[in-house]
Amino acid sequence: MNIKLVDRIIETALEEDIKSGDITTEATVGSEALASGDFLLKAPGKIAGLEVAERVFMLIDESLRFEKFVGDGDTLEAGIIIASVRGKASSILTAERTALNMMQRMSGIATTVESYKKRIAGSKTKILDTRKTVPGLRYLDKLAVRIGGGINHRSGLYDMYLIKDNHIIAAGSITNAVKLCKEHQVENETSYKIEVEVSNFTELEEALNSSVDIIMLDNFPLNDLREAVKIVNNRCLIEASGGITLDTIAQIAECGVDYISVGAITHSVSALDISLDLRLHT
């Protein structure tokens, strides 16, 4: 985990939440009151974000003590206490929502990725994420994907050439778009992979003739996916994309593609239900 980057994300979230102060806690909780808080898992799922939650509390108050009872990547049933925090009650309450927001979202993503992986167990196909993440939270979203057992596709616009339909329109053709990317590689001394999105067999042939690393088959019906895999014949890697759901992913994997990218694992994920139950020390 990139601590510096995670801390920057957390600091932005805390600034958004606290601003001039946690006025309710200031009004109702004594500054010297001590407490313990237990993180209770209220729904079954895969845990992600425990280390991130710990950083939230440490950035609020370094004197707090955070203890993890399970690990990121553990799949658990509901009713388990997964971590606890001890120290000043006011500090715990001020950090609570930000820590929960991050851990609940990350655990929701990890749980969803695991659900997709189970549907394609036994196949060679791997789950990829997309750039359809919450702005400002991409690092955490993609970290959660990895914890869930998925693979990060690309971090952003800077670490892979991905030629999509509008790039093809702008460049004039797939052939020219790939040529320009290869020239860009040489000029900038990069070795990033080149991927091309195609929507039909004519584009598929043109992409193959351009010698790219990966071809993305966008919204191909199952029969066309099978035919495309035969045509490619291991000359490059194949990614299937477009409207993938839990109900369709197994059939798509059976077609023999190398990757399936699923936007839903980050853009519309449900947070995993986790609560923080506070106990004052007397």
Protein backbone atom coordinates (compact mmCIF):
# COMPACT_ATOMS: atom_id res chain seq x y z
CA MET A 1 0.00 0.00 0.00
CA ASN A 2 1.28 3.45 -0.93
CA ILE A 3 1.03 5.13 2.48
CA LYS A 4 1.76 8.65 1.21
CA LEU A 5 -0.94 8.45 -1.44
CA VAL A 6 -3.45 6.86 0.95
CA ASP A 7 -2.76 9.56 3.55
CA ARG A 8 -3.43 12.28 0.94
CA ILE A 9 -6.76 10.67 0.07
CA ILE A 10 -7.68 10.38 3.75
CA GLU A 11 -6.66 13.95 4.53
CA THR A 12 -8.92 15.22 1.75
CA ALA A 13 -11.81 13.15 3.10
CA LEU A 14 -11.23 14.34 6.67
CA GLU A 15 -11.09 17.97 5.54
CA GLU A 16 -14.39 17.47 3.73
CA ASP A 17 -15.99 15.95 6.84
CA ILE A 18 -14.52 17.96 9.71
CA LYS A 19 -13.67 21.41 8.34
CA SER A 20 -13.77 23.75 11.39
CA GLY A 21 -14.56 20.96 13.86
CA ASP A 22 -16.75 18.05 14.94
CA ILE A 23 -19.21 20.24 16.82
CA THR A 24 -21.49 17.43 18.04
CA THR A 25 -18.61 15.51 19.57
CA GLU A 26 -17.14 18.71 21.03
CA ALA A 27 -20.49 19.44 22.69
CA THR A 28 -21.29 15.97 24.03
CA VAL A 29 -18.03 14.12 24.72
CA GLY A 30 -15.53 15.06 27.36
CA SER A 31 -12.05 15.75 26.04
CA GLU A 32 -10.49 13.18 28.40
CA ALA A 33 -13.14 10.45 28.05
CA LEU A 34 -11.73 7.09 26.99
CA ALA A 35 -13.51 4.44 24.95
CA SER A 36 -13.19 1.31 22.86
CA GLY A 37 -14.88 0.72 19.54
CA ASP A 38 -15.52 -2.65 17.90
CA PHE A 39 -15.93 -2.98 14.14
CA LEU A 40 -18.76 -5.46 13.63
CA LEU A 41 -19.27 -7.19 10.29
CA LYS A 42 -23.05 -7.17 9.78
CA ALA A 43 -23.17 -8.95 6.41
CA PRO A 44 -21.07 -11.76 4.92
CA GLY A 45 -18.27 -10.69 2.62
CA LYS A 46 -14.58 -10.20 1.86
CA ILE A 47 -12.76 -7.67 4.02
CA ALA A 48 -10.71 -4.89 2.45
CA GLY A 49 -9.47 -1.57 3.79
CA LEU A 50 -8.47 -2.44 7.35
CA GLU A 51 -5.08 -0.80 6.92
CA VAL A 52 -6.74 2.23 5.35
CA ALA A 53 -9.14 2.52 8.29
CA GLU A 54 -6.21 2.30 10.69
CA ARG A 55 -4.51 5.20 8.88
CA VAL A 56 -7.68 7.31 9.30
CA PHE A 57 -7.51 6.93 13.08
CA MET A 58 -3.77 7.53 13.20
CA LEU A 59 -4.11 10.76 11.23
CA ILE A 60 -6.77 11.96 13.68
CA ASP A 61 -4.91 10.91 16.83
CA GLU A 62 -1.63 8.97 16.95
CA SER A 63 -2.34 7.92 20.54
CA LEU A 64 -5.23 5.71 19.42
CA ARG A 65 -4.61 1.96 19.33
CA PHE A 66 -6.05 0.02 16.39
CA GLU A 67 -6.08 -3.78 16.48
CA LYS A 68 -6.99 -6.04 13.56
CA PHE A 69 -8.48 -9.47 14.30
CA VAL A 70 -8.71 -10.56 10.64
CA GLY A 71 -6.82 -9.62 7.50
CA ASP A 72 -7.62 -7.87 4.25
CA GLY A 73 -8.76 -10.57 1.84
CA ASP A 74 -10.45 -12.73 4.48
CA THR A 75 -13.95 -13.88 3.56
CA LEU A 76 -16.15 -13.99 6.65
CA GLU A 77 -19.67 -14.60 7.84
CA ALA A 78 -21.73 -11.87 9.50
CA GLY A 79 -21.46 -11.27 13.24
CA ILE A 80 -17.66 -11.21 13.54
CA ILE A 81 -15.72 -8.39 15.18
CA ILE A 82 -13.01 -7.66 12.65
CA ALA A 83 -11.07 -4.91 14.46
CA SER A 84 -11.13 -2.57 17.43
CA VAL A 85 -9.87 0.89 18.30
CA ARG A 86 -9.06 2.24 21.79
CA GLY A 87 -8.29 5.69 23.12
CA LYS A 88 -9.93 9.09 23.35
CA ALA A 89 -13.65 8.78 22.66
CA SER A 90 -13.72 12.14 20.87
CA SER A 91 -10.97 11.07 18.45
CA ILE A 92 -12.71 7.76 17.71
CA LEU A 93 -16.02 9.49 16.96
CA THR A 94 -14.44 12.12 14.74
CA ALA A 95 -12.65 9.47 12.63
CA GLU A 96 -15.51 6.94 12.63
CA ARG A 97 -17.43 7.87 9.49
CA THR A 98 -14.44 8.39 7.23
CA ALA A 99 -12.90 5.09 8.33
CA LEU A 100 -16.18 3.24 7.84
CA ASN A 101 -16.90 4.84 4.46
CA MET A 102 -13.56 3.71 3.09
CA MET A 103 -13.59 0.23 4.57
CA GLN A 104 -17.23 -0.42 3.64
CA ARG A 105 -16.69 0.62 0.02
CA MET A 106 -13.44 -1.29 -0.34
CA SER A 107 -14.96 -4.41 1.22
CA GLY A 108 -17.97 -4.08 -1.07
CA ILE A 109 -15.67 -3.99 -4.10
CA ALA A 110 -13.60 -6.95 -2.90
CA THR A 111 -16.75 -8.96 -2.16
CA THR A 112 -18.18 -8.21 -5.60
CA VAL A 113 -14.94 -9.19 -7.36
CA GLU A 114 -14.94 -12.48 -5.48
CA SER A 115 -18.54 -13.12 -6.58
CA TYR A 116 -17.53 -12.67 -10.23
CA LYS A 117 -14.45 -14.84 -9.80
CA LYS A 118 -16.52 -17.69 -8.40
CA ARG A 119 -18.67 -17.70 -11.54
CA ILE A 120 -15.63 -18.34 -13.76
CA ALA A 121 -13.72 -20.73 -11.47
CA GLY A 122 -11.85 -23.34 -13.48
CA SER A 123 -11.43 -21.15 -16.55
CA LYS A 124 -8.25 -19.37 -17.65
CA THR A 125 -10.08 -16.03 -17.75
CA LYS A 126 -9.15 -13.25 -15.32
CA ILE A 127 -11.27 -10.35 -14.06
CA LEU A 128 -10.12 -6.84 -14.95
CA ASP A 129 -11.30 -3.55 -13.51
CA THR A 130 -11.85 -0.32 -15.46
CA ARG A 131 -11.37 3.43 -14.96
CA LYS A 132 -15.01 3.67 -13.83
CA THR A 133 -14.03 4.56 -10.29
CA VAL A 134 -15.03 7.33 -7.87
CA PRO A 135 -12.97 10.44 -8.74
CA GLY A 136 -10.21 10.81 -6.17
CA LEU A 137 -10.63 7.26 -4.87
CA ARG A 138 -9.18 5.31 -7.79
CA TYR A 139 -6.16 4.07 -5.85
CA LEU A 140 -8.39 2.66 -3.09
CA ASP A 141 -10.91 1.22 -5.55
CA LYS A 142 -8.19 -0.57 -7.48
CA LEU A 143 -6.48 -1.73 -4.29
CA ALA A 144 -9.80 -3.29 -3.27
CA VAL A 145 -10.04 -5.03 -6.67
CA ARG A 146 -6.65 -6.64 -6.08
CA ILE A 147 -7.63 -7.70 -2.57
CA GLY A 148 -10.76 -9.27 -4.06
CA GLY A 149 -8.66 -11.29 -6.50
CA GLY A 150 -9.06 -9.20 -9.63
CA ILE A 151 -6.44 -7.52 -11.81
CA ASN A 152 -5.95 -3.82 -12.36
CA HIS A 153 -6.32 -3.04 -16.07
CA ARG A 154 -4.56 0.33 -16.16
CA SER A 155 -4.17 2.94 -13.46
CA GLY A 156 -5.04 5.85 -15.72
CA LEU A 157 -4.45 7.39 -19.11
CA TYR A 158 -0.67 7.32 -18.65
CA ASP A 159 0.30 3.65 -18.37
CA MET A 160 -1.25 1.92 -21.39
CA TYR A 161 -2.21 2.84 -24.93
CA LEU A 162 -5.90 2.01 -25.20
CA ILE A 163 -7.29 2.92 -28.61
CA LYS A 164 -11.07 3.27 -28.41
CA ASP A 165 -13.66 4.22 -31.03
CA ASN A 166 -13.18 7.98 -30.71
CA HIS A 167 -9.39 7.63 -30.99
CA ILE A 168 -9.94 5.63 -34.19
CA ILE A 169 -12.19 8.36 -35.56
CA ALA A 170 -9.63 11.03 -34.68
CA ALA A 171 -6.72 9.08 -36.20
CA GLY A 172 -8.64 8.00 -39.30
CA SER A 173 -8.31 4.24 -38.85
CA ILE A 174 -7.15 1.53 -36.49
CA THR A 175 -4.02 1.08 -38.58
CA ASN A 176 -3.07 4.73 -38.30
CA ALA A 177 -3.95 4.95 -34.61
CA VAL A 178 -1.68 1.98 -33.81
CA LYS A 179 1.08 3.42 -36.01
CA LEU A 180 0.91 6.73 -34.14
CA CYS A 181 1.02 4.97 -30.76
CA LYS A 182 4.09 2.98 -31.81
CA GLU A 183 5.77 6.20 -32.95
CA HIS A 184 4.86 7.74 -29.59
CA GLN A 185 6.49 4.78 -27.85
CA VAL A 186 9.74 5.38 -29.69
CA GLU A 187 9.70 9.15 -29.22
CA ASN A 188 9.05 8.85 -25.48
CA GLU A 189 11.06 5.66 -24.90
CA THR A 190 8.10 3.86 -23.37
CA SER A 191 7.22 0.18 -23.46
CA TYR A 192 3.56 0.41 -22.53
CA LYS A 193 1.25 -2.15 -24.10
CA ILE A 194 -1.07 -1.21 -26.95
CA GLU A 195 -4.70 -2.33 -26.80
CA VAL A 196 -7.39 -1.70 -29.41
CA GLU A 197 -11.15 -1.81 -28.92
CA VAL A 198 -13.04 -3.41 -31.82
CA SER A 199 -16.75 -3.83 -32.43
CA ASN A 200 -16.86 -6.12 -35.49
CA PHE A 201 -14.80 -8.66 -37.44
CA THR A 202 -13.50 -6.13 -39.97
CA GLU A 203 -11.99 -4.07 -37.16
CA LEU A 204 -10.69 -7.26 -35.55
CA GLU A 205 -8.74 -8.18 -38.68
CA GLU A 206 -7.35 -4.67 -38.97
CA ALA A 207 -6.21 -4.72 -35.33
CA LEU A 208 -4.56 -8.12 -35.79
CA ASN A 209 -2.74 -6.90 -38.89
CA SER A 210 -1.47 -3.94 -36.84
CA SER A 211 0.26 -6.25 -34.32
CA VAL A 212 -1.14 -5.05 -31.02
CA ASP A 213 -0.75 -6.58 -27.56
CA ILE A 214 -4.41 -6.84 -26.61
CA ILE A 215 -7.69 -6.67 -28.50
CA MET A 216 -10.84 -5.67 -26.65
CA LEU A 217 -13.98 -7.26 -28.07
CA ASP A 218 -16.68 -4.74 -27.24
CA ASN A 219 -20.22 -6.10 -26.82
CA PHE A 220 -19.63 -9.16 -29.03
CA PRO A 221 -22.44 -11.76 -28.88
CA LEU A 222 -21.36 -15.17 -27.61
CA ASN A 223 -21.14 -16.82 -31.03
CA ASP A 224 -19.05 -13.92 -32.32
CA LEU A 225 -16.80 -14.13 -29.26
CA ARG A 226 -16.12 -17.80 -29.98
CA GLU A 227 -15.37 -17.03 -33.61
CA ALA A 228 -13.11 -14.12 -32.66
CA VAL A 229 -11.07 -16.34 -30.33
CA LYS A 230 -10.52 -18.76 -33.23
CA ILE A 231 -9.51 -15.95 -35.58
CA VAL A 232 -7.04 -14.47 -33.10
CA ASN A 233 -5.55 -17.91 -32.47
CA ASN A 234 -3.23 -16.74 -29.67
CA ARG A 235 -1.65 -13.98 -31.77
CA CYS A 236 -2.46 -11.52 -28.96
CA LEU A 237 -4.41 -11.39 -25.72
CA ILE A 238 -8.19 -10.98 -25.82
CA GLU A 239 -10.37 -8.93 -23.50
CA ALA A 240 -14.17 -9.13 -23.53
CA SER A 241 -16.04 -6.03 -22.44
CA GLY A 242 -19.47 -4.46 -22.38
CA GLY A 243 -22.42 -5.01 -20.05
CA ILE A 244 -20.90 -7.95 -18.18
CA THR A 245 -23.07 -9.28 -15.34
CA LEU A 246 -22.94 -12.17 -12.90
CA ASP A 247 -25.49 -13.94 -15.09
CA THR A 248 -23.42 -13.66 -18.28
CA ILE A 249 -19.80 -13.85 -17.19
CA ALA A 250 -19.50 -17.66 -17.09
CA GLN A 251 -20.69 -18.05 -20.68
CA ILE A 252 -18.28 -15.33 -21.81
CA ALA A 253 -15.35 -16.99 -20.04
CA GLU A 254 -16.23 -20.30 -21.71
CA CYS A 255 -15.55 -18.66 -25.08
CA GLY A 256 -11.84 -18.71 -24.24
CA VAL A 257 -11.02 -15.02 -23.71
CA ASP A 258 -8.04 -14.10 -21.55
CA TYR A 259 -9.71 -11.24 -19.68
CA ILE A 260 -13.15 -9.91 -18.90
CA SER A 261 -13.39 -6.28 -17.81
CA VAL A 262 -16.26 -5.47 -15.47
CA GLY A 263 -17.12 -1.84 -14.79
CA ALA A 264 -19.76 -2.83 -12.25
CA ILE A 265 -17.18 -3.97 -9.69
CA THR A 266 -16.33 -0.32 -9.04
CA HIS A 267 -18.92 1.98 -10.60
CA SER A 268 -22.05 0.63 -8.92
CA VAL A 269 -20.86 -1.50 -6.03
CA SER A 270 -22.81 -1.77 -2.76
CA ALA A 271 -20.92 -1.03 0.44
CA LEU A 272 -20.48 -3.97 2.81
CA ASP A 273 -22.37 -3.42 6.07
CA ILE A 274 -19.89 -2.75 8.89
CA SER A 275 -20.63 -0.82 12.08
CA LEU A 276 -18.56 0.66 14.88
CA ASP A 277 -19.97 0.02 18.37
CA LEU A 278 -18.56 2.32 21.05
CA ARG A 279 -18.08 1.53 24.77
CA LEU A 280 -17.01 4.22 27.24
CA HIS A 281 -14.39 3.26 29.82
CA THR A 282 -15.40 3.94 33.40
